[in-house]
Amino acid sequence: MSVSGERPIIIKRIKKSGGGGHHGGAWKVAYADFVTAMMAFFLLMWLINTTSPEQKRGIADYFAPASVSETTSGAGGILSGTALGNDGAKQNGSQSIVQDASPDVKNPDDGKAKDAAKAAATDPAKLEQAKREAAAFASAQESLKQALQDMPELAELSKQIIVDQTPEGLRIQLIDQEGRPMFNQGTAAPNDRAKILLRAVSKVINQLPNRISIYGHTSANAGSLKKAKGDWPLSTNRALASRDILESAGVDPDRFYLSGGKATSEPLYPDDPTLPGNRRIAIVLLREAPVLPPDRGP
């Protein structure tokens, strides 16, 4: 209190504690948005790099609701029955087990199959039989996938199996890869890799009653695309050796309808007949009903 009776003037300074310094906290939100956008960008790049052209078309169709999917199969989703990635990044974190498509190969029986399909479309009994057969083949494909998943030793071999359906029937192909052949070079002797895969295939074959055809295929020589004279007996002997392994694995010998070689006449990759993938064994579960031998009749 001053002598004059006036009260002193008190100045109160209040310091405000800023939220985030000179620029505030808005930069954190912007930075989080940037990180999220970058993560989405790298995921997009990964998807583009690991998906096949068919899978890309499936994804494009998914985001175009007005379009109509061209496939009528049960696996006609975005990825057409396969998962993303390769080299171990498929099937929910595990390696790819079975490829469901292969390059088109001309089949001389295509005309007969189309005629049979037209006849089946007008015959309810045949149509019903065709539906049951398609369901059985789809189940066989899934069984093969499961059989391979249950065998850890097949983790590195699973990409050497291609499963698809042809007019002839359900086709299971065991193909060569670069540095990973199925047979010893120039011989009909299957190596351990081929034996393991054939035994795995036998488990699926034994679940169905269909008759079986086995074909051997070879690749063209890099120096000459002409069929070598030795390719015919070599491909035939490889088919016969594969048949012997299937029989030893429990497949009934009476179920085998045909075992033969096709040399280089039906390359899996027509654009390059010299690729290792053209060397393969094709095991076909025939669509026609099995024929019982005379001593097994009713």
Protein backbone atom coordinates (compact mmCIF):
# COMPACT_ATOMS: atom_id res chain seq x y z
CA MET A 1 0.00 0.00 0.00
CA SER A 2 1.53 3.29 -1.05
CA VAL A 3 1.51 6.35 1.08
CA SER A 4 -1.02 8.00 -1.21
CA GLY A 5 -3.43 5.11 -0.67
CA GLU A 6 -3.39 3.80 -4.27
CA ARG A 7 -3.11 0.05 -4.89
CA PRO A 8 -0.10 -1.20 -6.84
CA ILE A 9 -0.66 -2.45 -10.39
CA ILE A 10 0.16 -6.19 -10.71
CA ILE A 11 0.87 -7.60 -14.20
CA LYS A 12 0.30 -11.36 -14.53
CA ARG A 13 2.08 -13.11 -17.41
CA ILE A 14 0.68 -16.51 -18.52
CA LYS A 15 2.94 -18.80 -20.52
CA LYS A 16 1.13 -21.00 -23.01
CA SER A 17 2.64 -24.46 -23.53
CA GLY A 18 2.43 -25.04 -27.31
CA GLY A 19 1.25 -28.35 -28.76
CA GLY A 20 4.15 -29.42 -30.90
CA GLY A 21 6.47 -26.46 -31.05
CA HIS A 22 6.60 -23.70 -33.59
CA HIS A 23 4.45 -25.50 -36.20
CA GLY A 24 2.02 -27.21 -33.86
CA GLY A 25 1.11 -30.96 -34.17
CA ALA A 26 -0.34 -30.94 -37.68
CA TRP A 27 2.92 -32.31 -39.16
CA LYS A 28 2.38 -35.60 -37.36
CA VAL A 29 -0.92 -36.17 -39.13
CA ALA A 30 0.62 -35.29 -42.48
CA TYR A 31 3.56 -37.61 -41.86
CA ALA A 32 1.23 -40.49 -40.88
CA ASP A 33 -0.76 -39.97 -44.08
CA PHE A 34 2.48 -39.99 -46.09
CA VAL A 35 3.68 -43.25 -44.50
CA THR A 36 0.29 -44.89 -45.12
CA ALA A 37 0.31 -43.79 -48.76
CA MET A 38 3.85 -45.11 -49.27
CA MET A 39 2.93 -48.47 -47.72
CA ALA A 40 -0.10 -48.74 -50.03
CA PHE A 41 2.12 -47.84 -53.00
CA PHE A 42 4.67 -50.55 -52.22
CA LEU A 43 1.90 -53.09 -51.68
CA LEU A 44 0.51 -52.16 -55.09
CA MET A 45 3.96 -52.60 -56.68
CA TRP A 46 4.29 -56.01 -54.99
CA LEU A 47 0.89 -57.12 -56.23
CA ILE A 48 1.68 -56.05 -59.79
CA ASN A 49 4.99 -57.91 -59.70
CA THR A 50 3.67 -61.17 -58.25
CA THR A 51 0.34 -61.66 -60.02
CA SER A 52 -0.10 -63.33 -63.38
CA PRO A 53 -1.94 -61.65 -66.30
CA GLU A 54 -5.01 -63.81 -65.55
CA GLN A 55 -5.00 -62.65 -61.92
CA LYS A 56 -4.65 -59.00 -62.97
CA ARG A 57 -7.68 -59.39 -65.23
CA GLY A 58 -9.58 -60.96 -62.35
CA ILE A 59 -8.74 -58.03 -60.06
CA ALA A 60 -9.77 -55.56 -62.77
CA ASP A 61 -13.08 -57.37 -63.21
CA TYR A 62 -13.67 -57.27 -59.46
CA PHE A 63 -13.47 -53.47 -59.45
CA ALA A 64 -15.77 -53.24 -62.48
CA PRO A 65 -19.15 -54.51 -61.13
CA ALA A 66 -20.87 -53.86 -64.45
CA SER A 67 -18.71 -56.46 -66.18
CA VAL A 68 -19.57 -60.12 -66.25
CA SER A 69 -17.01 -62.73 -65.28
CA GLU A 70 -16.11 -65.02 -68.17
CA THR A 71 -15.50 -68.02 -65.97
CA THR A 72 -18.12 -70.36 -64.57
CA SER A 73 -15.80 -72.43 -62.41
CA GLY A 74 -15.95 -72.60 -58.66
CA ALA A 75 -12.54 -70.95 -58.55
CA GLY A 76 -13.65 -68.00 -60.65
CA GLY A 77 -12.87 -65.40 -58.01
CA ILE A 78 -10.39 -62.57 -58.10
CA LEU A 79 -7.35 -64.85 -58.21
CA SER A 80 -8.97 -67.79 -60.01
CA GLY A 81 -8.24 -70.30 -57.30
CA THR A 82 -4.62 -69.30 -56.68
CA ALA A 83 -3.02 -67.10 -54.08
CA LEU A 84 -0.56 -64.26 -54.57
CA GLY A 85 3.15 -64.34 -55.01
CA ASN A 86 5.69 -66.90 -56.01
CA ASP A 87 8.75 -68.53 -54.56
CA GLY A 88 7.06 -69.33 -51.30
CA ALA A 89 4.55 -66.49 -51.04
CA LYS A 90 1.39 -68.35 -52.00
CA GLN A 91 -1.34 -70.41 -50.39
CA ASN A 92 -1.75 -68.42 -47.18
CA GLY A 93 1.94 -68.06 -46.59
CA SER A 94 3.07 -71.41 -47.97
CA GLN A 95 4.54 -72.15 -51.34
CA SER A 96 2.52 -72.61 -54.46
CA ILE A 97 1.33 -76.20 -54.60
CA VAL A 98 -0.37 -76.72 -57.94
CA GLN A 99 -0.64 -74.52 -60.95
CA ASP A 100 -4.13 -74.65 -62.38
CA ALA A 101 -3.41 -73.61 -65.93
CA SER A 102 -0.98 -74.51 -68.65
CA PRO A 103 -0.30 -73.25 -72.18
CA ASP A 104 -2.78 -74.39 -74.76
CA VAL A 105 -1.86 -77.64 -76.46
CA LYS A 106 -3.77 -78.76 -79.53
CA ASN A 107 -5.59 -81.99 -78.88
CA PRO A 108 -6.71 -84.11 -81.84
CA ASP A 109 -9.74 -85.24 -79.84
CA ASP A 110 -11.12 -81.71 -79.40
CA GLY A 111 -13.71 -82.20 -82.18
CA LYS A 112 -14.94 -85.44 -80.67
CA ALA A 113 -15.14 -83.84 -77.24
CA LYS A 114 -17.22 -80.96 -78.59
CA ASP A 115 -19.62 -83.38 -80.29
CA ALA A 116 -19.91 -85.34 -77.06
CA ALA A 117 -20.58 -82.13 -75.14
CA LYS A 118 -23.42 -81.21 -77.53
CA ALA A 119 -24.92 -84.67 -77.12
CA ALA A 120 -24.63 -84.44 -73.34
CA ALA A 121 -26.41 -81.09 -73.35
CA THR A 122 -29.52 -82.74 -74.82
CA ASP A 123 -29.35 -85.85 -72.64
CA PRO A 124 -30.27 -85.20 -68.96
CA ALA A 125 -28.58 -88.42 -67.83
CA LYS A 126 -25.32 -87.56 -69.58
CA LEU A 127 -25.53 -84.01 -68.31
CA GLU A 128 -25.87 -85.25 -64.74
CA GLN A 129 -22.95 -87.63 -65.25
CA ALA A 130 -20.84 -84.77 -66.60
CA LYS A 131 -21.64 -82.69 -63.51
CA ARG A 132 -20.63 -85.54 -61.19
CA GLU A 133 -17.44 -86.04 -63.17
CA ALA A 134 -16.56 -82.34 -62.99
CA ALA A 135 -17.14 -82.38 -59.23
CA ALA A 136 -14.95 -85.47 -58.86
CA PHE A 137 -12.14 -83.89 -60.87
CA ALA A 138 -12.34 -80.68 -58.82
CA SER A 139 -12.17 -82.76 -55.65
CA ALA A 140 -9.15 -84.62 -57.05
CA GLN A 141 -7.36 -81.33 -57.68
CA GLU A 142 -7.96 -80.23 -54.11
CA SER A 143 -6.85 -83.63 -52.82
CA LEU A 144 -3.61 -83.33 -54.77
CA LYS A 145 -2.98 -79.89 -53.32
CA GLN A 146 -3.60 -81.19 -49.82
CA ALA A 147 -1.42 -84.25 -50.40
CA LEU A 148 1.48 -82.05 -51.46
CA GLN A 149 0.97 -79.68 -48.55
CA ASP A 150 1.15 -82.63 -46.17
CA MET A 151 4.57 -83.61 -47.56
CA PRO A 152 7.21 -81.06 -46.50
CA GLU A 153 9.78 -82.66 -48.77
CA LEU A 154 7.72 -81.45 -51.75
CA ALA A 155 8.06 -77.76 -50.90
CA GLU A 156 10.70 -77.28 -53.61
CA LEU A 157 9.02 -79.61 -56.10
CA SER A 158 5.47 -78.32 -56.07
CA LYS A 159 5.99 -75.94 -58.99
CA GLN A 160 6.84 -78.88 -61.21
CA ILE A 161 3.21 -80.03 -61.20
CA ILE A 162 0.53 -78.59 -63.48
CA VAL A 163 -3.08 -79.74 -63.14
CA ASP A 164 -5.79 -78.85 -65.66
CA GLN A 165 -8.79 -80.34 -67.42
CA THR A 166 -8.74 -81.24 -71.11
CA PRO A 167 -11.37 -82.81 -73.38
CA GLU A 168 -9.65 -86.12 -72.62
CA GLY A 169 -9.92 -85.78 -68.84
CA LEU A 170 -8.09 -84.49 -65.76
CA ARG A 171 -4.45 -84.02 -66.71
CA ILE A 172 -1.61 -84.01 -64.19
CA GLN A 173 1.72 -83.00 -65.70
CA LEU A 174 5.13 -83.40 -64.07
CA ILE A 175 7.44 -80.96 -65.83
CA ASP A 176 11.16 -80.24 -65.86
CA GLN A 177 12.57 -76.96 -64.64
CA GLU A 178 15.94 -75.45 -65.42
CA GLY A 179 18.43 -77.44 -63.39
CA ARG A 180 15.67 -79.63 -61.92
CA PRO A 181 14.98 -82.49 -64.37
CA MET A 182 12.60 -85.38 -63.71
CA PHE A 183 14.73 -87.98 -65.49
CA ASN A 184 18.43 -88.55 -65.81
CA GLN A 185 19.66 -86.85 -68.96
CA GLY A 186 19.09 -88.89 -72.10
CA THR A 187 17.72 -91.89 -70.21
CA ALA A 188 14.33 -93.24 -69.16
CA ALA A 189 15.42 -93.65 -65.54
CA PRO A 190 13.36 -91.38 -63.23
CA ASN A 191 15.33 -89.66 -60.50
CA ASP A 192 14.32 -89.35 -56.85
CA ARG A 193 12.47 -86.11 -57.58
CA ALA A 194 10.20 -87.83 -60.12
CA LYS A 195 9.61 -90.80 -57.85
CA ILE A 196 8.46 -88.60 -54.97
CA LEU A 197 6.04 -86.67 -57.19
CA LEU A 198 4.64 -89.81 -58.83
CA ARG A 199 3.97 -91.40 -55.43
CA ALA A 200 2.16 -88.23 -54.35
CA VAL A 201 0.05 -88.32 -57.53
CA SER A 202 -0.78 -91.99 -56.94
CA LYS A 203 -2.62 -91.05 -53.72
CA VAL A 204 -5.02 -88.92 -55.76
CA ILE A 205 -5.35 -91.43 -58.60
CA ASN A 206 -6.40 -94.11 -56.14
CA GLN A 207 -9.36 -91.97 -55.02
CA LEU A 208 -11.00 -92.14 -58.46
CA PRO A 209 -12.09 -95.10 -60.62
CA ASN A 210 -11.17 -93.55 -63.99
CA ARG A 211 -8.89 -95.28 -66.43
CA ILE A 212 -5.46 -93.74 -66.92
CA SER A 213 -3.36 -92.72 -69.90
CA ILE A 214 0.31 -91.73 -69.56
CA TYR A 215 2.27 -89.79 -72.16
CA GLY A 216 5.94 -88.92 -72.27
CA HIS A 217 7.13 -85.68 -73.88
CA THR A 218 10.58 -84.41 -74.79
CA SER A 219 11.93 -80.98 -75.76
CA ALA A 220 13.52 -79.99 -79.05
CA ASN A 221 17.27 -79.62 -79.34
CA ALA A 222 18.51 -76.05 -79.37
CA GLY A 223 20.48 -76.64 -82.57
CA SER A 224 17.60 -78.22 -84.49
CA LEU A 225 13.85 -78.03 -83.99
CA LYS A 226 13.29 -81.25 -85.89
CA LYS A 227 12.13 -84.33 -84.01
CA ALA A 228 15.15 -86.44 -83.15
CA LYS A 229 14.78 -90.11 -84.00
CA GLY A 230 15.57 -91.13 -80.44
CA ASP A 231 12.88 -88.86 -78.91
CA TRP A 232 10.08 -91.31 -79.71
CA PRO A 233 11.46 -94.35 -77.85
CA LEU A 234 12.82 -92.11 -75.07
CA SER A 235 9.44 -90.48 -74.39
CA THR A 236 7.71 -93.87 -74.57
CA ASN A 237 10.13 -95.50 -72.15
CA ARG A 238 9.75 -92.63 -69.72
CA ALA A 239 5.97 -93.08 -69.77
CA LEU A 240 6.41 -96.81 -69.10
CA ALA A 241 8.85 -96.12 -66.25
CA SER A 242 6.34 -93.70 -64.70
CA ARG A 243 3.64 -96.32 -65.01
CA ASP A 244 5.83 -98.82 -63.13
CA ILE A 245 6.26 -96.36 -60.25
CA LEU A 246 2.51 -95.72 -60.06
CA GLU A 247 1.86 -99.46 -59.98
CA SER A 248 4.42 -99.92 -57.21
CA ALA A 249 2.62 -97.14 -55.30
CA GLY A 250 -0.64 -99.10 -55.36
CA VAL A 251 -2.39 -98.09 -58.60
CA ASP A 252 -4.28 -101.06 -60.09
CA PRO A 253 -2.53 -102.21 -63.31
CA ASP A 254 -5.92 -102.91 -64.93
CA ARG A 255 -6.74 -99.20 -64.87
CA PHE A 256 -4.02 -98.24 -67.35
CA TYR A 257 -5.53 -97.62 -70.78
CA LEU A 258 -2.57 -96.26 -72.72
CA SER A 259 1.13 -95.61 -72.15
CA GLY A 260 3.04 -93.97 -74.97
CA GLY A 261 5.43 -91.28 -76.11
CA LYS A 262 4.73 -88.12 -78.07
CA ALA A 263 8.34 -86.93 -78.42
CA THR A 264 8.27 -83.19 -79.32
CA SER A 265 4.93 -83.28 -81.17
CA GLU A 266 2.94 -81.42 -78.48
CA PRO A 267 5.21 -78.87 -76.77
CA LEU A 268 3.89 -77.27 -73.61
CA TYR A 269 5.45 -74.00 -74.77
CA PRO A 270 4.97 -73.89 -78.57
CA ASP A 271 6.76 -70.53 -78.83
CA ASP A 272 9.97 -72.13 -77.58
CA PRO A 273 10.06 -75.94 -77.98
CA THR A 274 13.55 -76.03 -76.43
CA LEU A 275 12.43 -74.95 -72.95
CA PRO A 276 12.92 -77.53 -70.18
CA GLY A 277 9.18 -77.36 -69.34
CA ASN A 278 8.43 -79.18 -72.60
CA ARG A 279 10.05 -82.29 -71.10
CA ARG A 280 7.29 -83.78 -69.02
CA ILE A 281 5.09 -86.72 -68.11
CA ALA A 282 1.34 -86.24 -68.58
CA ILE A 283 -0.99 -88.47 -66.53
CA VAL A 284 -4.62 -88.24 -67.66
CA LEU A 285 -7.63 -89.53 -65.74
CA LEU A 286 -9.97 -90.27 -68.62
CA ARG A 287 -13.50 -88.88 -68.67
CA GLU A 288 -15.07 -92.05 -69.97
CA ALA A 289 -16.42 -94.63 -67.55
CA PRO A 290 -13.90 -97.30 -66.48
CA VAL A 291 -14.08 -100.69 -68.16
CA LEU A 292 -13.74 -103.69 -65.88
CA PRO A 293 -11.54 -106.58 -67.04
CA PRO A 294 -13.30 -109.88 -67.89
CA ASP A 295 -12.41 -111.53 -64.58
CA ARG A 296 -13.95 -108.65 -62.64
CA GLY A 297 -17.36 -108.55 -64.24
CA PRO A 298 -20.55 -108.71 -62.15
